[in-house]
């Protein structure tokens, strides 16, 4: 390429860059823009997917137009911009502010749902801190109370079930950890919390079976004067299992554990293991 051609290409490139720069500046709010113009520019950024720039624009519109319809719409699209940018914590905060400022808005149901859904999206895997999981459940429950006729209730119930299952998994995992470090009483307690707090989840049935075993191991590692009480707790947990999960998939394991407890109780009370096994079989048949 000769010098003249090269010079011409540079001139074309600079002219195009200046034109783009000028065009770009026109898309942003400038000093002296009226409120309608500022709002229109912010909406153009939003519609083009430039959500970070749209946030700045809608914040400006909201501040300049307090008390106007422009401000109300700007607050909504400010939240939407954060949401579309996957900044869910900021989005939840802005949805909440919209609901607080405009409680009778026609967008209220959508805004309340999206605030809850933001916390659902923030909910981490079960091993981590679950504050956003609990917040999501709280917000979904509040939505159900406020909008009992909403067509979103079935969807919300699915989300709440998923979130509660995650909390149950975390509680169950804590119980397992206590078992691994030989803290058998604490393990039994946490299995019990899993059962009591999240009875509808799959972890409740597993926790109740493992609680029987936890009491057995706790008894085995206790002084003799405490063993009978703790083996009896294992038997009581099995009876609870039969009440809550008569067709539970882990019933065979539960029966194996309760057999161990009943044999130990019989031996502590001077009976024979065969007598205890017969009693277990009779009890199982009766419950069936």
C-alpha atoms as a PDB file:
ATOM      1  CA  UNK A   1       0.000   0.000   0.000  1.00  0.00           C
ATOM      2  CA  UNK A   2       1.454   3.402  -1.037  1.00  0.00           C
ATOM      3  CA  UNK A   3       1.554   6.460   1.207  1.00  0.00           C
ATOM      4  CA  UNK A   4      -1.504   8.156  -0.365  1.00  0.00           C
ATOM      5  CA  UNK A   5      -3.674   5.029   0.024  1.00  0.00           C
ATOM      6  CA  UNK A   6      -2.448   4.502   3.588  1.00  0.00           C
ATOM      7  CA  UNK A   7      -3.167   8.126   4.485  1.00  0.00           C
ATOM      8  CA  UNK A   8      -6.654   7.855   2.962  1.00  0.00           C
ATOM      9  CA  UNK A   9      -7.416   4.692   4.994  1.00  0.00           C
ATOM     10  CA  UNK A  10      -6.348   6.392   8.216  1.00  0.00           C
ATOM     11  CA  UNK A  11      -8.564   9.371   7.472  1.00  0.00           C
ATOM     12  CA  UNK A  12     -11.537   7.079   6.790  1.00  0.00           C
ATOM     13  CA  UNK A  13     -10.895   5.146  10.016  1.00  0.00           C
ATOM     14  CA  UNK A  14     -10.651   8.300  12.141  1.00  0.00           C
ATOM     15  CA  UNK A  15     -13.774   9.757  10.569  1.00  0.00           C
ATOM     16  CA  UNK A  16     -15.703   6.559  11.292  1.00  0.00           C
ATOM     17  CA  UNK A  17     -14.392   6.476  14.866  1.00  0.00           C
ATOM     18  CA  UNK A  18     -15.407  10.095  15.449  1.00  0.00           C
ATOM     19  CA  UNK A  19     -18.831   9.420  13.979  1.00  0.00           C
ATOM     20  CA  UNK A  20     -19.289   6.390  16.240  1.00  0.00           C
ATOM     21  CA  UNK A  21     -18.075   8.369  19.230  1.00  0.00           C
ATOM     22  CA  UNK A  22     -20.495  11.169  18.468  1.00  0.00           C
ATOM     23  CA  UNK A  23     -23.312   8.657  17.959  1.00  0.00           C
ATOM     24  CA  UNK A  24     -22.381   6.915  21.190  1.00  0.00           C
ATOM     25  CA  UNK A  25     -22.468  10.151  23.146  1.00  0.00           C
ATOM     26  CA  UNK A  26     -25.924  10.852  21.790  1.00  0.00           C
ATOM     27  CA  UNK A  27     -27.134   7.643  23.421  1.00  0.00           C
ATOM     28  CA  UNK A  28     -26.222   8.872  26.906  1.00  0.00           C
ATOM     29  CA  UNK A  29     -27.873  11.529  29.010  1.00  0.00           C
ATOM     30  CA  UNK A  30     -26.286  14.930  28.456  1.00  0.00           C
ATOM     31  CA  UNK A  31     -26.423  18.085  30.532  1.00  0.00           C
ATOM     32  CA  UNK A  32     -29.530  19.980  29.514  1.00  0.00           C
ATOM     33  CA  UNK A  33     -31.532  16.911  28.380  1.00  0.00           C
ATOM     34  CA  UNK A  34     -35.172  17.081  29.347  1.00  0.00           C
ATOM     35  CA  UNK A  35     -36.683  14.349  31.545  1.00  0.00           C
ATOM     36  CA  UNK A  36     -38.509  12.689  28.610  1.00  0.00           C
ATOM     37  CA  UNK A  37     -35.298  12.679  26.546  1.00  0.00           C
ATOM     38  CA  UNK A  38     -33.252  11.263  29.422  1.00  0.00           C
ATOM     39  CA  UNK A  39     -35.825   8.514  29.925  1.00  0.00           C
ATOM     40  CA  UNK A  40     -35.944   7.728  26.210  1.00  0.00           C
ATOM     41  CA  UNK A  41     -32.147   7.408  26.065  1.00  0.00           C
ATOM     42  CA  UNK A  42     -32.123   5.113  29.093  1.00  0.00           C
ATOM     43  CA  UNK A  43     -34.815   2.914  27.543  1.00  0.00           C
ATOM     44  CA  UNK A  44     -32.840   2.700  24.306  1.00  0.00           C
ATOM     45  CA  UNK A  45     -29.822   1.461  26.260  1.00  0.00           C
ATOM     46  CA  UNK A  46     -32.006  -1.078  28.052  1.00  0.00           C
ATOM     47  CA  UNK A  47     -33.580  -2.348  24.836  1.00  0.00           C
ATOM     48  CA  UNK A  48     -30.139  -2.692  23.248  1.00  0.00           C
ATOM     49  CA  UNK A  49     -28.970  -4.853  26.142  1.00  0.00           C
ATOM     50  CA  UNK A  50     -26.577  -2.214  27.524  1.00  0.00           C
ATOM     51  CA  UNK A  51     -27.794  -2.845  31.063  1.00  0.00           C
ATOM     52  CA  UNK A  52     -24.833  -1.380  32.944  1.00  0.00           C
ATOM     53  CA  UNK A  53     -25.222   1.945  31.119  1.00  0.00           C
ATOM     54  CA  UNK A  54     -28.998   1.730  31.484  1.00  0.00           C
ATOM     55  CA  UNK A  55     -28.594   1.507  35.271  1.00  0.00           C
ATOM     56  CA  UNK A  56     -26.804   4.863  35.291  1.00  0.00           C
ATOM     57  CA  UNK A  57     -29.460   6.386  33.068  1.00  0.00           C
ATOM     58  CA  UNK A  58     -32.443   5.167  35.084  1.00  0.00           C
ATOM     59  CA  UNK A  59     -30.823   6.254  38.348  1.00  0.00           C
ATOM     60  CA  UNK A  60     -30.474   9.761  36.873  1.00  0.00           C
ATOM     61  CA  UNK A  61     -34.076   9.787  35.642  1.00  0.00           C
ATOM     62  CA  UNK A  62     -35.347   8.643  39.021  1.00  0.00           C
ATOM     63  CA  UNK A  63     -33.435  11.376  40.863  1.00  0.00           C
ATOM     64  CA  UNK A  64     -34.499  14.118  38.440  1.00  0.00           C
ATOM     65  CA  UNK A  65     -38.119  13.036  38.118  1.00  0.00           C
ATOM     66  CA  UNK A  66     -39.177  12.192  41.678  1.00  0.00           C
ATOM     67  CA  UNK A  67     -42.951  12.092  41.923  1.00  0.00           C
ATOM     68  CA  UNK A  68     -43.475  11.635  38.176  1.00  0.00           C
ATOM     69  CA  UNK A  69     -44.454   8.636  36.046  1.00  0.00           C
ATOM     70  CA  UNK A  70     -40.966   8.779  34.548  1.00  0.00           C
ATOM     71  CA  UNK A  71     -39.458   8.152  37.966  1.00  0.00           C
ATOM     72  CA  UNK A  72     -41.783   5.244  38.660  1.00  0.00           C
ATOM     73  CA  UNK A  73     -40.937   3.580  35.341  1.00  0.00           C
ATOM     74  CA  UNK A  74     -37.247   4.350  35.835  1.00  0.00           C
ATOM     75  CA  UNK A  75     -37.289   2.586  39.210  1.00  0.00           C
ATOM     76  CA  UNK A  76     -38.858  -0.503  37.638  1.00  0.00           C
ATOM     77  CA  UNK A  77     -36.391  -0.632  34.756  1.00  0.00           C
ATOM     78  CA  UNK A  78     -33.509   0.038  37.124  1.00  0.00           C
ATOM     79  CA  UNK A  79     -34.420  -3.204  38.890  1.00  0.00           C
ATOM     80  CA  UNK A  80     -34.911  -4.953  35.537  1.00  0.00           C
ATOM     81  CA  UNK A  81     -31.490  -3.795  34.343  1.00  0.00           C
ATOM     82  CA  UNK A  82     -29.779  -5.303  37.374  1.00  0.00           C
ATOM     83  CA  UNK A  83     -31.854  -8.469  36.944  1.00  0.00           C
ATOM     84  CA  UNK A  84     -30.944  -8.871  33.273  1.00  0.00           C
ATOM     85  CA  UNK A  85     -27.309  -8.245  34.173  1.00  0.00           C
ATOM     86  CA  UNK A  86     -27.597 -11.094  36.733  1.00  0.00           C
ATOM     87  CA  UNK A  87     -26.800  -8.747  39.601  1.00  0.00           C
ATOM     88  CA  UNK A  88     -29.506 -10.435  41.654  1.00  0.00           C
ATOM     89  CA  UNK A  89     -28.766  -8.896  45.036  1.00  0.00           C
ATOM     90  CA  UNK A  90     -28.952  -5.375  43.612  1.00  0.00           C
ATOM     91  CA  UNK A  91     -32.042  -6.313  41.624  1.00  0.00           C
ATOM     92  CA  UNK A  92     -33.797  -7.661  44.727  1.00  0.00           C
ATOM     93  CA  UNK A  93     -33.044  -4.416  46.555  1.00  0.00           C
ATOM     94  CA  UNK A  94     -34.438  -2.305  43.712  1.00  0.00           C
ATOM     95  CA  UNK A  95     -37.565  -4.454  43.343  1.00  0.00           C
ATOM     96  CA  UNK A  96     -38.130  -4.061  47.080  1.00  0.00           C
ATOM     97  CA  UNK A  97     -37.726  -0.300  46.796  1.00  0.00           C
ATOM     98  CA  UNK A  98     -40.223  -0.202  43.937  1.00  0.00           C
ATOM     99  CA  UNK A  99     -42.758  -2.136  46.035  1.00  0.00           C
ATOM    100  CA  UNK A 100     -42.169   0.202  48.970  1.00  0.00           C
ATOM    101  CA  UNK A 101     -42.569   3.368  46.902  1.00  0.00           C
ATOM    102  CA  UNK A 102     -45.458   2.170  44.724  1.00  0.00           C
ATOM    103  CA  UNK A 103     -47.390  -0.410  46.778  1.00  0.00           C
ATOM    104  CA  UNK A 104     -50.539  -0.152  44.624  1.00  0.00           C
ATOM    105  CA  UNK A 105     -48.779  -0.389  41.273  1.00  0.00           C
ATOM    106  CA  UNK A 106     -50.132  -2.733  38.610  1.00  0.00           C
ATOM    107  CA  UNK A 107     -46.615  -4.206  38.507  1.00  0.00           C
ATOM    108  CA  UNK A 108     -46.642  -5.091  42.214  1.00  0.00           C
ATOM    109  CA  UNK A 109     -47.266  -8.817  41.774  1.00  0.00           C
ATOM    110  CA  UNK A 110     -44.509  -9.157  39.180  1.00  0.00           C
ATOM    111  CA  UNK A 111     -42.095  -7.124  41.288  1.00  0.00           C
ATOM    112  CA  UNK A 112     -42.728  -9.167  44.433  1.00  0.00           C
ATOM    113  CA  UNK A 113     -42.256 -12.412  42.529  1.00  0.00           C
ATOM    114  CA  UNK A 114     -39.009 -11.250  40.957  1.00  0.00           C
ATOM    115  CA  UNK A 115     -37.635 -10.075  44.300  1.00  0.00           C
ATOM    116  CA  UNK A 116     -38.203 -13.581  45.695  1.00  0.00           C
ATOM    117  CA  UNK A 117     -36.822 -15.176  42.541  1.00  0.00           C
ATOM    118  CA  UNK A 118     -33.629 -13.115  42.851  1.00  0.00           C
ATOM    119  CA  UNK A 119     -32.970 -14.711  46.243  1.00  0.00           C
ATOM    120  CA  UNK A 120     -33.756 -18.106  44.717  1.00  0.00           C
ATOM    121  CA  UNK A 121     -31.046 -17.445  42.120  1.00  0.00           C
ATOM    122  CA  UNK A 122     -28.651 -16.386  44.898  1.00  0.00           C
ATOM    123  CA  UNK A 123     -29.224 -19.605  46.860  1.00  0.00           C
ATOM    124  CA  UNK A 124     -25.881 -21.508  46.840  1.00  0.00           C
ATOM    125  CA  UNK A 125     -25.140 -25.222  46.991  1.00  0.00           C
ATOM    126  CA  UNK A 126     -26.175 -26.865  50.226  1.00  0.00           C
ATOM    127  CA  UNK A 127     -22.774 -26.890  51.965  1.00  0.00           C
ATOM    128  CA  UNK A 128     -22.548 -23.075  51.977  1.00  0.00           C
ATOM    129  CA  UNK A 129     -24.334 -20.469  54.095  1.00  0.00           C
ATOM    130  CA  UNK A 130     -28.061 -20.626  53.340  1.00  0.00           C
ATOM    131  CA  UNK A 131     -29.224 -17.124  54.296  1.00  0.00           C
ATOM    132  CA  UNK A 132     -30.410 -16.400  50.745  1.00  0.00           C
ATOM    133  CA  UNK A 133     -32.188 -19.752  50.612  1.00  0.00           C
ATOM    134  CA  UNK A 134     -34.140 -18.843  53.737  1.00  0.00           C
ATOM    135  CA  UNK A 135     -34.809 -15.346  52.416  1.00  0.00           C
ATOM    136  CA  UNK A 136     -36.178 -16.783  49.170  1.00  0.00           C
ATOM    137  CA  UNK A 137     -38.536 -19.111  51.056  1.00  0.00           C
ATOM    138  CA  UNK A 138     -39.677 -16.210  53.232  1.00  0.00           C
ATOM    139  CA  UNK A 139     -40.356 -14.012  50.201  1.00  0.00           C
ATOM    140  CA  UNK A 140     -42.147 -16.768  48.268  1.00  0.00           C
ATOM    141  CA  UNK A 141     -44.360 -17.488  51.286  1.00  0.00           C
ATOM    142  CA  UNK A 142     -45.165 -13.797  51.617  1.00  0.00           C
ATOM    143  CA  UNK A 143     -46.059 -13.686  47.921  1.00  0.00           C
ATOM    144  CA  UNK A 144     -48.479 -16.596  48.401  1.00  0.00           C
ATOM    145  CA  UNK A 145     -50.111 -14.775  51.311  1.00  0.00           C
ATOM    146  CA  UNK A 146     -50.470 -11.542  49.353  1.00  0.00           C
ATOM    147  CA  UNK A 147     -51.545 -13.074  46.032  1.00  0.00           C
ATOM    148  CA  UNK A 148     -53.435 -16.299  46.832  1.00  0.00           C
ATOM    149  CA  UNK A 149     -55.060 -16.334  43.376  1.00  0.00           C
ATOM    150  CA  UNK A 150     -51.843 -15.884  41.409  1.00  0.00           C
ATOM    151  CA  UNK A 151     -51.180 -18.271  38.540  1.00  0.00           C
ATOM    152  CA  UNK A 152     -47.570 -18.484  39.749  1.00  0.00           C
ATOM    153  CA  UNK A 153     -48.370 -20.510  42.879  1.00  0.00           C
ATOM    154  CA  UNK A 154     -47.613 -23.895  41.335  1.00  0.00           C
ATOM    155  CA  UNK A 155     -44.261 -22.588  40.110  1.00  0.00           C
ATOM    156  CA  UNK A 156     -43.511 -21.097  43.520  1.00  0.00           C
ATOM    157  CA  UNK A 157     -44.342 -24.351  45.313  1.00  0.00           C
ATOM    158  CA  UNK A 158     -41.788 -26.109  43.132  1.00  0.00           C
ATOM    159  CA  UNK A 159     -39.115 -23.544  44.047  1.00  0.00           C
ATOM    160  CA  UNK A 160     -39.934 -23.736  47.760  1.00  0.00           C
ATOM    161  CA  UNK A 161     -39.773 -27.538  47.694  1.00  0.00           C
ATOM    162  CA  UNK A 162     -36.347 -27.360  46.040  1.00  0.00           C
ATOM    163  CA  UNK A 163     -35.087 -24.815  48.575  1.00  0.00           C
ATOM    164  CA  UNK A 164     -36.382 -26.751  51.581  1.00  0.00           C
ATOM    165  CA  UNK A 165     -34.791 -29.922  50.262  1.00  0.00           C
ATOM    166  CA  UNK A 166     -31.492 -28.042  50.139  1.00  0.00           C
ATOM    167  CA  UNK A 167     -31.881 -26.917  53.757  1.00  0.00           C
ATOM    168  CA  UNK A 168     -32.736 -30.483  54.784  1.00  0.00           C
ATOM    169  CA  UNK A 169     -29.639 -31.752  52.995  1.00  0.00           C
ATOM    170  CA  UNK A 170     -27.493 -29.267  54.874  1.00  0.00           C
ATOM    171  CA  UNK A 171     -28.985 -30.307  58.231  1.00  0.00           C
ATOM    172  CA  UNK A 172     -28.559 -33.986  57.369  1.00  0.00           C
ATOM    173  CA  UNK A 173     -24.970 -33.347  56.326  1.00  0.00           C
ATOM    174  CA  UNK A 174     -24.285 -31.713  59.706  1.00  0.00           C
ATOM    175  CA  UNK A 175     -25.605 -34.838  61.435  1.00  0.00           C
ATOM    176  CA  UNK A 176     -23.345 -37.024  59.307  1.00  0.00           C
ATOM    177  CA  UNK A 177     -20.386 -34.845  60.212  1.00  0.00           C
ATOM    178  CA  UNK A 178     -21.101 -35.342  63.916  1.00  0.00           C
ATOM    179  CA  UNK A 179     -21.212 -39.098  63.343  1.00  0.00           C
ATOM    180  CA  UNK A 180     -17.822 -38.994  61.618  1.00  0.00           C
ATOM    181  CA  UNK A 181     -16.218 -37.196  64.560  1.00  0.00           C
ATOM    182  CA  UNK A 182     -17.856 -39.548  67.086  1.00  0.00           C
ATOM    183  CA  UNK A 183     -20.272 -36.969  68.485  1.00  0.00           C
ATOM    184  CA  UNK A 184     -23.151 -39.429  68.517  1.00  0.00           C
ATOM    185  CA  UNK A 185     -25.586 -37.484  70.679  1.00  0.00           C
ATOM    186  CA  UNK A 186     -25.212 -34.370  68.521  1.00  0.00           C
ATOM    187  CA  UNK A 187     -25.651 -36.526  65.422  1.00  0.00           C
ATOM    188  CA  UNK A 188     -28.909 -37.964  66.764  1.00  0.00           C
ATOM    189  CA  UNK A 189     -30.145 -34.463  67.584  1.00  0.00           C
ATOM    190  CA  UNK A 190     -29.382 -33.153  64.093  1.00  0.00           C
ATOM    191  CA  UNK A 191     -30.980 -36.152  62.426  1.00  0.00           C
ATOM    192  CA  UNK A 192     -34.007 -35.324  64.561  1.00  0.00           C
ATOM    193  CA  UNK A 193     -33.974 -31.694  63.426  1.00  0.00           C
ATOM    194  CA  UNK A 194     -33.902 -32.844  59.810  1.00  0.00           C
ATOM    195  CA  UNK A 195     -36.977 -34.983  60.463  1.00  0.00           C
ATOM    196  CA  UNK A 196     -38.905 -32.378  62.438  1.00  0.00           C
ATOM    197  CA  UNK A 197     -38.135 -29.334  60.294  1.00  0.00           C
ATOM    198  CA  UNK A 198     -38.267 -30.912  56.821  1.00  0.00           C
ATOM    199  CA  UNK A 199     -40.558 -33.958  57.096  1.00  0.00           C
ATOM    200  CA  UNK A 200     -41.726 -33.761  53.482  1.00  0.00           C
ATOM    201  CA  UNK A 201     -38.227 -34.073  51.994  1.00  0.00           C
ATOM    202  CA  UNK A 202     -36.363 -37.221  51.008  1.00  0.00           C
ATOM    203  CA  UNK A 203     -33.755 -36.469  53.677  1.00  0.00           C
ATOM    204  CA  UNK A 204     -36.243 -36.950  56.519  1.00  0.00           C
ATOM    205  CA  UNK A 205     -36.673 -40.671  55.881  1.00  0.00           C
ATOM    206  CA  UNK A 206     -32.927 -41.212  55.604  1.00  0.00           C
ATOM    207  CA  UNK A 207     -32.324 -39.130  58.723  1.00  0.00           C
ATOM    208  CA  UNK A 208     -34.757 -41.197  60.783  1.00  0.00           C
ATOM    209  CA  UNK A 209     -33.049 -44.447  59.791  1.00  0.00           C
ATOM    210  CA  UNK A 210     -29.645 -42.974  60.597  1.00  0.00           C
ATOM    211  CA  UNK A 211     -30.955 -41.655  63.903  1.00  0.00           C
ATOM    212  CA  UNK A 212     -31.739 -45.241  64.955  1.00  0.00           C
ATOM    213  CA  UNK A 213     -28.164 -46.185  64.192  1.00  0.00           C
ATOM    214  CA  UNK A 214     -26.803 -43.075  65.934  1.00  0.00           C
ATOM    215  CA  UNK A 215     -28.587 -44.018  69.165  1.00  0.00           C
ATOM    216  CA  UNK A 216     -27.251 -47.579  68.866  1.00  0.00           C
ATOM    217  CA  UNK A 217     -23.672 -46.403  68.483  1.00  0.00           C
ATOM    218  CA  UNK A 218     -24.183 -43.811  71.225  1.00  0.00           C
ATOM    219  CA  UNK A 219     -25.410 -46.569  73.560  1.00  0.00           C
ATOM    220  CA  UNK A 220     -22.527 -48.886  72.668  1.00  0.00           C
ATOM    221  CA  UNK A 221     -20.080 -46.150  73.625  1.00  0.00           C
ATOM    222  CA  UNK A 222     -21.884 -45.206  76.843  1.00  0.00           C
ATOM    223  CA  UNK A 223     -21.421 -46.386  80.390  1.00  0.00           C
ATOM    224  CA  UNK A 224     -23.668 -49.313  81.265  1.00  0.00           C
ATOM    225  CA  UNK A 225     -26.094 -47.266  83.349  1.00  0.00           C
ATOM    226  CA  UNK A 226     -26.918 -45.105  80.288  1.00  0.00           C
ATOM    227  CA  UNK A 227     -27.119 -47.848  77.674  1.00  0.00           C
ATOM    228  CA  UNK A 228     -30.687 -48.994  78.234  1.00  0.00           C
ATOM    229  CA  UNK A 229     -32.047 -45.455  77.890  1.00  0.00           C
ATOM    230  CA  UNK A 230     -30.159 -44.892  74.629  1.00  0.00           C
ATOM    231  CA  UNK A 231     -31.048 -48.227  73.058  1.00  0.00           C
ATOM    232  CA  UNK A 232     -34.651 -47.456  73.931  1.00  0.00           C
ATOM    233  CA  UNK A 233     -34.316 -44.154  72.046  1.00  0.00           C
ATOM    234  CA  UNK A 234     -33.279 -46.199  69.012  1.00  0.00           C
ATOM    235  CA  UNK A 235     -36.423 -48.316  69.380  1.00  0.00           C
ATOM    236  CA  UNK A 236     -38.544 -45.174  69.777  1.00  0.00           C
ATOM    237  CA  UNK A 237     -37.043 -43.743  66.588  1.00  0.00           C
ATOM    238  CA  UNK A 238     -37.957 -46.934  64.759  1.00  0.00           C
ATOM    239  CA  UNK A 239     -41.552 -46.689  65.990  1.00  0.00           C
ATOM    240  CA  UNK A 240     -41.637 -43.122  64.702  1.00  0.00           C
ATOM    241  CA  UNK A 241     -40.259 -44.357  61.384  1.00  0.00           C
ATOM    242  CA  UNK A 242     -43.136 -46.846  61.060  1.00  0.00           C
ATOM    243  CA  UNK A 243     -45.635 -44.064  61.692  1.00  0.00           C
ATOM    244  CA  UNK A 244     -44.124 -41.586  59.231  1.00  0.00           C
ATOM    245  CA  UNK A 245     -42.747 -43.866  56.527  1.00  0.00           C
ATOM    246  CA  UNK A 246     -44.513 -47.251  56.642  1.00  0.00           C
ATOM    247  CA  UNK A 247     -43.461 -47.894  53.036  1.00  0.00           C
ATOM    248  CA  UNK A 248     -40.086 -46.165  53.283  1.00  0.00           C
ATOM    249  CA  UNK A 249     -37.407 -47.324  50.881  1.00  0.00           C
ATOM    250  CA  UNK A 250     -34.931 -47.738  53.753  1.00  0.00           C
ATOM    251  CA  UNK A 251     -37.235 -49.777  55.968  1.00  0.00           C
ATOM    252  CA  UNK A 252     -35.102 -52.927  55.748  1.00  0.00           C
ATOM    253  CA  UNK A 253     -32.120 -50.991  57.096  1.00  0.00           C
ATOM    254  CA  UNK A 254     -34.272 -49.492  59.860  1.00  0.00           C
ATOM    255  CA  UNK A 255     -35.369 -52.971  60.905  1.00  0.00           C
ATOM    256  CA  UNK A 256     -31.783 -54.181  60.971  1.00  0.00           C
ATOM    257  CA  UNK A 257     -30.839 -51.328  63.285  1.00  0.00           C
ATOM    258  CA  UNK A 258     -33.805 -51.815  65.609  1.00  0.00           C
ATOM    259  CA  UNK A 259     -33.009 -55.532  65.834  1.00  0.00           C
ATOM    260  CA  UNK A 260     -29.577 -54.558  67.146  1.00  0.00           C
ATOM    261  CA  UNK A 261     -31.174 -52.256  69.723  1.00  0.00           C
ATOM    262  CA  UNK A 262     -33.676 -54.849  70.910  1.00  0.00           C
ATOM    263  CA  UNK A 263     -31.052 -57.579  71.203  1.00  0.00           C
ATOM    264  CA  UNK A 264     -28.903 -55.232  73.275  1.00  0.00           C
ATOM    265  CA  UNK A 265     -31.855 -54.322  75.480  1.00  0.00           C
ATOM    266  CA  UNK A 266     -32.690 -57.957  76.047  1.00  0.00           C
ATOM    267  CA  UNK A 267     -29.121 -58.706  77.031  1.00  0.00           C
ATOM    268  CA  UNK A 268     -29.022 -55.736  79.398  1.00  0.00           C
ATOM    269  CA  UNK A 269     -32.211 -56.999  81.009  1.00  0.00           C
ATOM    270  CA  UNK A 270     -30.954 -60.579  81.279  1.00  0.00           C
ATOM    271  CA  UNK A 271     -32.990 -61.944  78.360  1.00  0.00           C
ATOM    272  CA  UNK A 272     -31.770 -63.931  75.373  1.00  0.00           C
ATOM    273  CA  UNK A 273     -31.088 -62.590  71.915  1.00  0.00           C
ATOM    274  CA  UNK A 274     -33.478 -65.171  70.405  1.00  0.00           C
ATOM    275  CA  UNK A 275     -36.324 -63.823  72.559  1.00  0.00           C
ATOM    276  CA  UNK A 276     -35.548 -60.302  71.372  1.00  0.00           C
ATOM    277  CA  UNK A 277     -35.455 -61.335  67.729  1.00  0.00           C
ATOM    278  CA  UNK A 278     -38.834 -63.036  68.075  1.00  0.00           C
ATOM    279  CA  UNK A 279     -40.263 -59.903  69.671  1.00  0.00           C
ATOM    280  CA  UNK A 280     -38.954 -57.803  66.787  1.00  0.00           C
ATOM    281  CA  UNK A 281     -40.517 -60.102  64.190  1.00  0.00           C
ATOM    282  CA  UNK A 282     -43.864 -60.005  66.006  1.00  0.00           C
ATOM    283  CA  UNK A 283     -43.730 -56.214  66.282  1.00  0.00           C
ATOM    284  CA  UNK A 284     -42.969 -55.843  62.577  1.00  0.00           C
ATOM    285  CA  UNK A 285     -45.823 -58.150  61.625  1.00  0.00           C
ATOM    286  CA  UNK A 286     -48.214 -56.212  63.854  1.00  0.00           C
ATOM    287  CA  UNK A 287     -47.212 -52.859  62.316  1.00  0.00           C
ATOM    288  CA  UNK A 288     -47.644 -54.233  58.837  1.00  0.00           C
END
